[in-house]
């Protein structure tokens, strides 16, 4: 019995020793394997660095900027961008020799070289034009060139409001938005050029806000905007897809499937707000093409709404737009009648942009801000109320359509009528008293 116990004790010790030995070998093997596995990981890190896009030319730019202590944020943005990961460095966009083939017009050249550059390398240009982006992003560039954005600068320089502003203040006013004709970073902010940022309504807000273009305010306070605000937290960031949102945003309707032709589906415009549709070249579009554009917009509305509901809402907005334009035309006729009878003060000159006591009566898109008679200033305010009314209708915002729009529009028209009546009564009184009008 004791002999059996001794054998059993030896057997237990053997099993314990064997188990310990096996575990020791396994542990040593794991350690060796871990060390071995680290080698490819280190090689992978080196590989990623090689693909980071820091070319010798880019490294030269980064080193210089860091030494001089300028644009740290831009460098960090670029290093985290897809451009850097794909090997698109500073020189691809900023070296003039690479940009020259993309410059097609004198206006582009003027914009490209206007601000100059402090870089020791005289090939470097501070500005980057859309045509340069188009060398790689050809589809987006071609779509962009069909849109209203692509004539933003051209429309601005022809405008009376721009002409009368001093050169020193133009860049801080009109040019900050209208330079979108030349560049893509109005929406794709430099230097990340993140498509996610460009999709948000806040990206559009920079230019599309205020009394003359209140698109953002109208949208964000509409039911669509209210749902977006309530539900957008983290959803857009996590999914990077507007399809995940419960409510449409600007690009949902105006840039479906990522098109850069932001004039998509707009039945009025894309140049001006008149009822007659004209393309970006000022050529009238026939009714059949107008119907196609409306159907295109309805196709987007119908992804959320029934065809009947969507069509009814857009038709209602059409009617409101027509009614608004009728009021605008009535106000124009009142003022034109006063001008024909020489009742506008200060007096009217027949030539535009004359710096004298007089001025030119311009009631359309080319109107001036300053040196205006009281009734023309009233008309200026009326046009803002007009835009707010019909834009509010198309963006499904009842408050902007009615209170900030239609109600103000009616008040503005009444003020113009009252001012016209006073001017005519005063003129008649002077006539009766034998006072020469002019």
Protein backbone atom coordinates (compact mmCIF):
# COMPACT_ATOMS: atom_id res chain seq x y z
CA UNK A 1 0.00 0.00 0.00
CA UNK A 2 2.87 2.34 0.87
CA UNK A 3 4.66 1.32 -2.32
CA UNK A 4 1.57 2.26 -4.33
CA UNK A 5 1.42 5.60 -2.54
CA UNK A 6 5.03 6.32 -3.46
CA UNK A 7 4.38 5.60 -7.13
CA UNK A 8 1.31 7.83 -7.00
CA UNK A 9 3.33 10.68 -5.46
CA UNK A 10 6.01 10.39 -8.15
CA UNK A 11 3.33 10.36 -10.84
CA UNK A 12 1.72 13.55 -9.49
CA UNK A 13 5.11 15.29 -9.33
CA UNK A 14 5.84 14.22 -12.94
CA UNK A 15 2.50 15.59 -14.15
CA UNK A 16 3.07 18.91 -12.35
CA UNK A 17 6.62 19.24 -13.73
CA UNK A 18 5.49 18.35 -17.24
CA UNK A 19 2.67 20.93 -17.09
CA UNK A 20 5.06 23.61 -15.82
CA UNK A 21 7.57 22.79 -18.56
CA UNK A 22 4.91 22.94 -21.28
CA UNK A 23 3.66 26.30 -20.00
CA UNK A 24 7.21 27.62 -19.89
CA UNK A 25 7.79 26.61 -23.52
CA UNK A 26 4.41 28.11 -24.55
CA UNK A 27 5.15 31.39 -22.77
CA UNK A 28 8.62 31.61 -24.30
CA UNK A 29 7.16 30.87 -27.70
CA UNK A 30 4.53 33.59 -27.33
CA UNK A 31 7.18 36.11 -26.33
CA UNK A 32 9.28 35.20 -29.33
CA UNK A 33 6.23 35.35 -31.58
CA UNK A 34 5.31 38.76 -30.21
CA UNK A 35 8.78 40.06 -30.90
CA UNK A 36 8.69 38.59 -34.36
CA UNK A 37 5.24 40.08 -35.01
CA UNK A 38 6.54 43.50 -34.07
CA UNK A 39 8.98 43.55 -36.94
CA UNK A 40 6.33 43.66 -39.71
CA UNK A 41 4.38 46.24 -37.66
CA UNK A 42 7.43 48.52 -37.57
CA UNK A 43 7.88 48.05 -41.28
CA UNK A 44 4.23 48.91 -41.82
CA UNK A 45 4.68 52.16 -39.88
CA UNK A 46 7.56 53.13 -42.14
CA UNK A 47 5.43 52.27 -45.16
CA UNK A 48 2.59 54.50 -43.98
CA UNK A 49 5.04 57.36 -43.56
CA UNK A 50 6.23 56.90 -47.11
CA UNK A 51 2.64 57.10 -48.34
CA UNK A 52 1.87 60.21 -46.28
CA UNK A 53 2.63 62.47 -49.25
CA UNK A 54 5.50 64.36 -47.66
CA UNK A 55 7.55 64.69 -50.81
CA UNK A 56 10.88 66.49 -50.83
CA UNK A 57 9.15 69.59 -52.28
CA UNK A 58 6.40 69.49 -49.64
CA UNK A 59 8.89 68.91 -46.84
CA UNK A 60 10.75 72.01 -47.97
CA UNK A 61 7.51 74.03 -47.74
CA UNK A 62 6.58 72.62 -44.32
CA UNK A 63 10.07 73.21 -42.87
CA UNK A 64 10.10 76.83 -44.08
CA UNK A 65 6.60 77.54 -42.75
CA UNK A 66 7.42 76.03 -39.38
CA UNK A 67 10.70 77.93 -39.10
CA UNK A 68 8.91 81.20 -39.88
CA UNK A 69 6.03 80.33 -37.58
CA UNK A 70 3.23 80.75 -40.14
CA UNK A 71 0.10 78.71 -41.04
CA UNK A 72 0.67 75.96 -38.44
CA UNK A 73 -3.03 75.09 -38.63
CA UNK A 74 -2.98 74.67 -42.38
CA UNK A 75 0.01 72.35 -42.23
CA UNK A 76 -1.69 70.21 -39.57
CA UNK A 77 -4.90 70.15 -41.61
CA UNK A 78 -3.06 69.03 -44.72
CA UNK A 79 -1.10 66.33 -42.88
CA UNK A 80 -4.41 64.82 -41.73
CA UNK A 81 -6.08 65.11 -45.12
CA UNK A 82 -6.74 62.61 -47.88
CA UNK A 83 -4.48 64.69 -50.11
CA UNK A 84 -1.52 63.91 -47.86
CA UNK A 85 -2.39 60.22 -47.72
CA UNK A 86 -2.62 60.12 -51.50
CA UNK A 87 0.66 61.94 -52.02
CA UNK A 88 -0.81 65.27 -53.20
CA UNK A 89 1.66 67.76 -51.75
CA UNK A 90 1.97 71.55 -51.59
CA UNK A 91 3.65 71.83 -54.98
CA UNK A 92 0.76 70.08 -56.77
CA UNK A 93 -1.52 73.05 -56.07
CA UNK A 94 0.71 76.04 -55.34
CA UNK A 95 3.52 75.85 -57.91
CA UNK A 96 2.62 78.21 -60.76
CA UNK A 97 4.07 76.02 -63.52
CA UNK A 98 1.52 73.38 -62.64
CA UNK A 99 -1.31 75.91 -62.57
CA UNK A 100 -0.71 77.78 -65.82
CA UNK A 101 -2.54 75.32 -68.12
CA UNK A 102 -5.67 75.71 -65.99
CA UNK A 103 -5.83 79.50 -66.35
CA UNK A 104 -8.19 80.18 -69.24
CA UNK A 105 -9.37 83.73 -68.69
CA UNK A 106 -7.86 87.08 -67.78
CA UNK A 107 -10.15 87.29 -64.75
CA UNK A 108 -8.72 84.02 -63.43
CA UNK A 109 -5.19 85.28 -63.90
CA UNK A 110 -6.07 88.51 -62.13
CA UNK A 111 -7.48 86.62 -59.15
CA UNK A 112 -4.64 84.09 -59.09
CA UNK A 113 -1.82 86.62 -58.89
CA UNK A 114 -3.60 89.57 -57.24
CA UNK A 115 -2.52 88.86 -53.67
CA UNK A 116 1.04 87.93 -54.57
CA UNK A 117 3.23 85.71 -52.41
CA UNK A 118 5.96 86.22 -49.82
CA UNK A 119 7.58 82.91 -50.70
CA UNK A 120 11.23 82.94 -51.77
CA UNK A 121 10.27 80.48 -54.51
CA UNK A 122 8.68 82.81 -57.08
CA UNK A 123 6.90 79.90 -58.73
CA UNK A 124 4.59 79.67 -55.73
CA UNK A 125 1.12 81.22 -55.85
CA UNK A 126 -0.90 81.84 -52.70
CA UNK A 127 -4.22 81.36 -54.49
CA UNK A 128 -5.40 78.10 -56.04
CA UNK A 129 -8.09 78.27 -58.71
CA UNK A 130 -10.87 75.76 -59.37
CA UNK A 131 -9.30 74.87 -62.71
CA UNK A 132 -6.31 73.51 -60.85
CA UNK A 133 -8.53 71.24 -58.76
CA UNK A 134 -10.23 70.22 -62.00
CA UNK A 135 -7.05 68.60 -63.26
CA UNK A 136 -7.72 65.73 -60.84
CA UNK A 137 -11.42 66.25 -60.07
CA UNK A 138 -12.63 66.65 -63.64
CA UNK A 139 -16.24 65.49 -63.10
CA UNK A 140 -16.79 67.83 -60.16
CA UNK A 141 -15.14 70.72 -62.01
CA UNK A 142 -17.27 70.25 -65.15
CA UNK A 143 -20.43 70.16 -63.03
CA UNK A 144 -19.28 73.23 -61.13
CA UNK A 145 -18.77 75.12 -64.41
CA UNK A 146 -22.46 74.60 -65.24
CA UNK A 147 -23.60 76.12 -61.97
CA UNK A 148 -24.37 79.59 -60.71
CA UNK A 149 -21.25 79.50 -58.55
CA UNK A 150 -19.05 79.53 -61.65
CA UNK A 151 -20.23 83.04 -62.63
CA UNK A 152 -20.20 84.56 -59.14
CA UNK A 153 -17.31 86.94 -59.73
CA UNK A 154 -18.51 87.90 -63.21
CA UNK A 155 -21.92 88.86 -61.86
CA UNK A 156 -20.33 90.90 -59.07
CA UNK A 157 -18.06 93.09 -61.20
CA UNK A 158 -21.04 94.09 -63.37
CA UNK A 159 -23.07 95.12 -60.35
CA UNK A 160 -23.59 98.76 -59.46
CA UNK A 161 -23.28 98.05 -55.74
CA UNK A 162 -19.75 96.71 -56.34
CA UNK A 163 -18.73 99.51 -58.73
CA UNK A 164 -19.43 102.27 -56.22
CA UNK A 165 -17.59 100.63 -53.30
CA UNK A 166 -13.98 101.71 -52.86
CA UNK A 167 -11.31 99.27 -53.98
CA UNK A 168 -9.96 98.97 -50.43
CA UNK A 169 -13.26 97.70 -49.03
CA UNK A 170 -14.36 95.41 -51.87
CA UNK A 171 -12.29 92.45 -50.71
CA UNK A 172 -13.88 92.54 -47.27
CA UNK A 173 -17.39 92.82 -48.70
CA UNK A 174 -18.56 91.35 -51.99
CA UNK A 175 -15.42 89.48 -52.98
CA UNK A 176 -15.38 87.19 -49.95
CA UNK A 177 -18.39 85.31 -51.33
CA UNK A 178 -18.25 86.00 -55.06
CA UNK A 179 -14.71 84.67 -55.44
CA UNK A 180 -16.30 81.22 -55.39
CA UNK A 181 -16.13 81.49 -59.20
CA UNK A 182 -12.40 80.79 -58.94
CA UNK A 183 -11.98 78.48 -55.99
CA UNK A 184 -13.27 75.33 -54.33
CA UNK A 185 -12.28 76.09 -50.74
CA UNK A 186 -15.33 78.26 -50.17
CA UNK A 187 -17.05 74.95 -49.39
CA UNK A 188 -14.16 72.48 -48.98
CA UNK A 189 -12.26 74.44 -46.34
CA UNK A 190 -8.50 74.51 -46.65
CA UNK A 191 -6.42 72.44 -46.07
CA UNK A 192 -8.39 69.38 -45.06
CA UNK A 193 -10.76 69.80 -48.03
CA UNK A 194 -13.07 67.49 -46.12
CA UNK A 195 -16.20 66.57 -48.08
CA UNK A 196 -18.04 66.07 -44.79
CA UNK A 197 -17.52 69.73 -43.84
CA UNK A 198 -18.70 70.86 -47.27
CA UNK A 199 -21.95 68.91 -46.88
CA UNK A 200 -23.17 70.73 -43.78
CA UNK A 201 -25.67 73.61 -44.01
CA UNK A 202 -23.19 75.66 -41.99
CA UNK A 203 -20.79 75.60 -44.96
CA UNK A 204 -23.47 77.22 -47.13
CA UNK A 205 -24.35 79.68 -44.36
CA UNK A 206 -21.16 81.71 -44.88
CA UNK A 207 -22.60 83.30 -48.04
CA UNK A 208 -26.27 82.33 -48.06
CA UNK A 209 -27.49 84.45 -45.16
CA UNK A 210 -28.61 88.01 -44.48
CA UNK A 211 -31.50 90.08 -45.73
CA UNK A 212 -30.72 89.63 -49.44
CA UNK A 213 -29.87 85.89 -49.42
CA UNK A 214 -31.49 84.51 -46.25
CA UNK A 215 -31.36 80.85 -47.32
CA UNK A 216 -29.71 79.57 -44.14
CA UNK A 217 -31.97 81.44 -41.73
CA UNK A 218 -35.02 80.29 -43.66
CA UNK A 219 -33.85 76.67 -43.78
CA UNK A 220 -32.62 76.32 -40.21
CA UNK A 221 -35.85 77.75 -38.75
CA UNK A 222 -38.08 75.64 -41.02
CA UNK A 223 -39.41 72.21 -40.06
CA UNK A 224 -36.64 70.61 -42.12
CA UNK A 225 -34.05 72.64 -40.23
CA UNK A 226 -35.65 71.97 -36.85
CA UNK A 227 -35.47 68.21 -37.42
CA UNK A 228 -31.88 68.52 -38.67
CA UNK A 229 -30.84 70.51 -35.60
CA UNK A 230 -32.55 68.10 -33.21
CA UNK A 231 -31.20 64.91 -34.77
CA UNK A 232 -27.91 65.74 -36.45
CA UNK A 233 -25.69 65.45 -33.37
CA UNK A 234 -22.90 62.97 -34.21
CA UNK A 235 -24.99 61.20 -36.86
CA UNK A 236 -23.50 62.99 -39.86
CA UNK A 237 -19.99 62.74 -38.42
CA UNK A 238 -20.21 59.02 -37.70
CA UNK A 239 -21.83 57.91 -40.95
CA UNK A 240 -20.42 60.59 -43.28
CA UNK A 241 -23.66 60.18 -45.21
CA UNK A 242 -26.55 62.58 -45.56
CA UNK A 243 -28.78 59.55 -46.15
CA UNK A 244 -28.61 58.83 -42.42
CA UNK A 245 -30.29 62.13 -41.54
CA UNK A 246 -34.00 62.28 -40.85
CA UNK A 247 -34.23 65.64 -42.60
CA UNK A 248 -32.79 67.05 -45.84
CA UNK A 249 -29.96 69.58 -45.79
CA UNK A 250 -28.82 71.97 -48.53
CA UNK A 251 -26.86 69.38 -50.52
CA UNK A 252 -29.73 66.86 -50.34
CA UNK A 253 -31.84 68.99 -52.66
CA UNK A 254 -29.30 71.10 -54.53
CA UNK A 255 -26.42 68.62 -54.94
CA UNK A 256 -28.03 65.15 -55.18
CA UNK A 257 -25.63 62.24 -55.72
CA UNK A 258 -22.79 64.68 -55.13
CA UNK A 259 -23.27 66.79 -58.27
CA UNK A 260 -21.45 70.13 -58.11
CA UNK A 261 -24.03 71.81 -60.36
CA UNK A 262 -25.82 73.59 -57.53
CA UNK A 263 -28.41 74.90 -60.00
CA UNK A 264 -29.94 71.41 -60.10
CA UNK A 265 -33.72 71.38 -60.23
CA UNK A 266 -34.15 75.11 -59.60
CA UNK A 267 -37.00 76.25 -61.79
CA UNK A 268 -36.30 79.95 -61.40
CA UNK A 269 -32.79 81.29 -62.02
CA UNK A 270 -30.01 80.31 -61.94
CA UNK A 271 -29.29 83.97 -62.81
CA UNK A 272 -31.52 86.39 -60.95
CA UNK A 273 -34.87 85.75 -59.35
CA UNK A 274 -37.19 86.65 -62.21
CA UNK A 275 -40.03 84.41 -63.33
CA UNK A 276 -38.57 83.84 -66.78
CA UNK A 277 -35.90 81.18 -66.49
CA UNK A 278 -32.52 81.93 -68.06
CA UNK A 279 -29.37 79.81 -67.98
CA UNK A 280 -25.94 80.95 -66.75
CA UNK A 281 -25.27 82.50 -70.18
CA UNK A 282 -28.44 84.60 -70.05
CA UNK A 283 -30.30 82.49 -72.63
CA UNK A 284 -34.00 81.83 -72.05
CA UNK A 285 -35.03 78.25 -71.41
CA UNK A 286 -38.23 76.91 -72.96
CA UNK A 287 -41.18 75.46 -71.06
CA UNK A 288 -40.28 71.82 -71.77
CA UNK A 289 -36.84 72.27 -70.22
CA UNK A 290 -38.41 74.12 -67.31
CA UNK A 291 -40.72 71.13 -66.75
CA UNK A 292 -37.71 68.79 -66.79
CA UNK A 293 -36.01 70.84 -64.08
CA UNK A 294 -39.15 70.77 -61.94
CA UNK A 295 -39.44 66.99 -62.35
CA UNK A 296 -35.81 66.63 -61.32
CA UNK A 297 -36.46 68.57 -58.12
CA UNK A 298 -39.65 66.60 -57.43
CA UNK A 299 -37.69 63.38 -57.72
CA UNK A 300 -35.69 64.51 -54.68
CA UNK A 301 -38.76 65.70 -52.75
CA UNK A 302 -40.43 62.35 -53.42
CA UNK A 303 -37.75 60.42 -51.57
CA UNK A 304 -39.44 61.65 -48.37
CA UNK A 305 -42.83 63.04 -49.43
CA UNK A 306 -45.67 61.73 -51.54
CA UNK A 307 -45.74 62.98 -55.17
CA UNK A 308 -49.03 64.75 -54.52
CA UNK A 309 -47.77 66.59 -51.45
CA UNK A 310 -44.46 67.64 -53.04
CA UNK A 311 -46.07 68.88 -56.26
CA UNK A 312 -48.73 70.79 -54.34
CA UNK A 313 -46.14 72.58 -52.17
CA UNK A 314 -43.96 73.60 -55.13
CA UNK A 315 -46.99 74.77 -57.12
CA UNK A 316 -48.05 76.89 -54.15
CA UNK A 317 -44.56 78.39 -53.99
CA UNK A 318 -44.76 79.11 -57.75
CA UNK A 319 -47.99 81.06 -57.21
CA UNK A 320 -46.46 83.04 -54.35
CA UNK A 321 -43.44 83.83 -56.53
CA UNK A 322 -45.72 85.09 -59.31
CA UNK A 323 -47.68 87.25 -56.86
CA UNK A 324 -44.47 88.70 -55.44
CA UNK A 325 -43.13 89.59 -58.88
CA UNK A 326 -46.44 91.32 -59.69
CA UNK A 327 -45.94 93.58 -56.67
CA UNK A 328 -42.31 94.27 -57.58
CA UNK A 329 -43.37 95.26 -61.12
CA UNK A 330 -46.06 97.55 -59.71
CA UNK A 331 -43.49 99.31 -57.53
CA UNK A 332 -41.11 99.64 -60.48
CA UNK A 333 -43.82 101.27 -62.58
CA UNK A 334 -44.58 103.78 -59.83
CA UNK A 335 -40.94 104.84 -59.61
CA UNK A 336 -40.41 104.84 -63.38
CA UNK A 337 -43.46 107.09 -63.72
CA UNK A 338 -41.99 109.54 -61.22
CA UNK A 339 -38.67 109.47 -63.09
CA UNK A 340 -40.39 110.20 -66.41
CA UNK A 341 -42.08 113.21 -64.82
CA UNK A 342 -38.77 114.46 -63.33
CA UNK A 343 -40.01 114.05 -59.76
CA UNK A 344 -37.10 111.99 -58.38
CA UNK A 345 -34.70 113.82 -56.02
CA UNK A 346 -31.71 113.83 -56.36
CA UNK A 347 -32.13 114.32 -60.09
CA UNK A 348 -31.51 111.48 -62.52
CA UNK A 349 -28.46 111.30 -64.78
CA UNK A 350 -28.75 109.31 -67.99
CA UNK A 351 -25.31 107.80 -67.69
CA UNK A 352 -24.30 105.16 -65.14
CA UNK A 353 -21.56 105.66 -62.54
CA UNK A 354 -21.31 109.47 -62.84
CA UNK A 355 -20.00 111.06 -59.66
CA UNK A 356 -22.18 114.16 -59.55
CA UNK A 357 -25.21 115.50 -57.76
CA UNK A 358 -27.40 113.22 -59.82
CA UNK A 359 -27.57 109.49 -60.24
CA UNK A 360 -28.87 106.82 -62.58
CA UNK A 361 -32.13 105.13 -61.69
CA UNK A 362 -31.40 101.42 -61.57
CA UNK A 363 -34.10 99.19 -60.14
CA UNK A 364 -32.77 95.78 -61.18
CA UNK A 365 -29.75 93.80 -60.08
CA UNK A 366 -27.37 96.66 -60.90
CA UNK A 367 -28.86 99.15 -58.43
CA UNK A 368 -26.62 101.28 -56.23
CA UNK A 369 -26.66 101.59 -52.45
CA UNK A 370 -25.84 105.29 -52.10
CA UNK A 371 -26.98 108.62 -53.56
CA UNK A 372 -30.56 107.37 -53.74
CA UNK A 373 -33.82 109.17 -53.39
CA UNK A 374 -36.06 108.17 -50.51
CA UNK A 375 -38.47 106.28 -52.73
CA UNK A 376 -35.64 104.31 -54.35
CA UNK A 377 -34.39 103.33 -50.90
CA UNK A 378 -37.89 102.13 -50.17
CA UNK A 379 -37.80 100.03 -53.32
CA UNK A 380 -34.47 98.59 -52.28
CA UNK A 381 -36.04 97.37 -49.03
CA UNK A 382 -39.06 96.05 -50.95
CA UNK A 383 -36.83 93.80 -53.09
CA UNK A 384 -35.42 92.21 -49.93
CA UNK A 385 -38.92 91.53 -48.64
CA UNK A 386 -39.79 90.06 -52.03
CA UNK A 387 -36.88 87.61 -51.95
CA UNK A 388 -37.62 86.58 -48.38
CA UNK A 389 -41.25 85.85 -49.31
CA UNK A 390 -40.73 83.51 -52.25
CA UNK A 391 -37.54 81.93 -50.90
CA UNK A 392 -39.42 81.24 -47.67
CA UNK A 393 -42.15 79.55 -49.68
CA UNK A 394 -39.75 77.27 -51.59
CA UNK A 395 -37.95 76.36 -48.36
CA UNK A 396 -41.21 75.54 -46.54
CA UNK A 397 -40.88 78.22 -43.87
CA UNK A 398 -44.28 79.81 -43.10
CA UNK A 399 -42.90 82.53 -40.81
CA UNK A 400 -40.45 83.88 -43.41
CA UNK A 401 -43.04 83.53 -46.15
CA UNK A 402 -45.63 85.49 -44.20
CA UNK A 403 -44.41 87.67 -41.32
CA UNK A 404 -40.89 88.54 -42.50
CA UNK A 405 -41.84 88.35 -46.17
CA UNK A 406 -45.38 88.96 -47.42
CA UNK A 407 -46.44 91.29 -44.58
CA UNK A 408 -43.30 93.43 -44.98
CA UNK A 409 -43.73 93.41 -48.76
CA UNK A 410 -47.25 94.85 -48.45
CA UNK A 411 -46.02 97.52 -46.04
CA UNK A 412 -43.15 98.42 -48.38
CA UNK A 413 -45.52 98.80 -51.35
CA UNK A 414 -47.86 100.98 -49.27
CA UNK A 415 -44.92 103.19 -48.25
CA UNK A 416 -43.86 103.59 -51.90
CA UNK A 417 -47.39 104.52 -52.94
CA UNK A 418 -47.67 107.05 -50.14
CA UNK A 419 -44.29 108.60 -51.00
CA UNK A 420 -45.26 108.80 -54.68
CA UNK A 421 -48.53 110.51 -53.79
CA UNK A 422 -46.68 113.09 -51.67
CA UNK A 423 -44.16 113.78 -54.44
CA UNK A 424 -46.95 114.36 -56.96
CA UNK A 425 -48.93 116.54 -54.55
CA UNK A 426 -45.85 118.67 -53.85
CA UNK A 427 -45.13 118.98 -57.58
CA UNK A 428 -48.71 120.04 -58.25
CA UNK A 429 -48.52 122.61 -55.46
CA UNK A 430 -45.32 124.07 -56.93
CA UNK A 431 -46.92 124.19 -60.37
CA UNK A 432 -49.87 126.08 -59.05
CA UNK A 433 -47.60 128.50 -57.26
CA UNK A 434 -45.69 129.04 -60.47
CA UNK A 435 -42.45 127.55 -59.22
CA UNK A 436 -40.33 125.95 -61.92
CA UNK A 437 -39.62 122.35 -61.06
CA UNK A 438 -36.16 122.13 -62.66
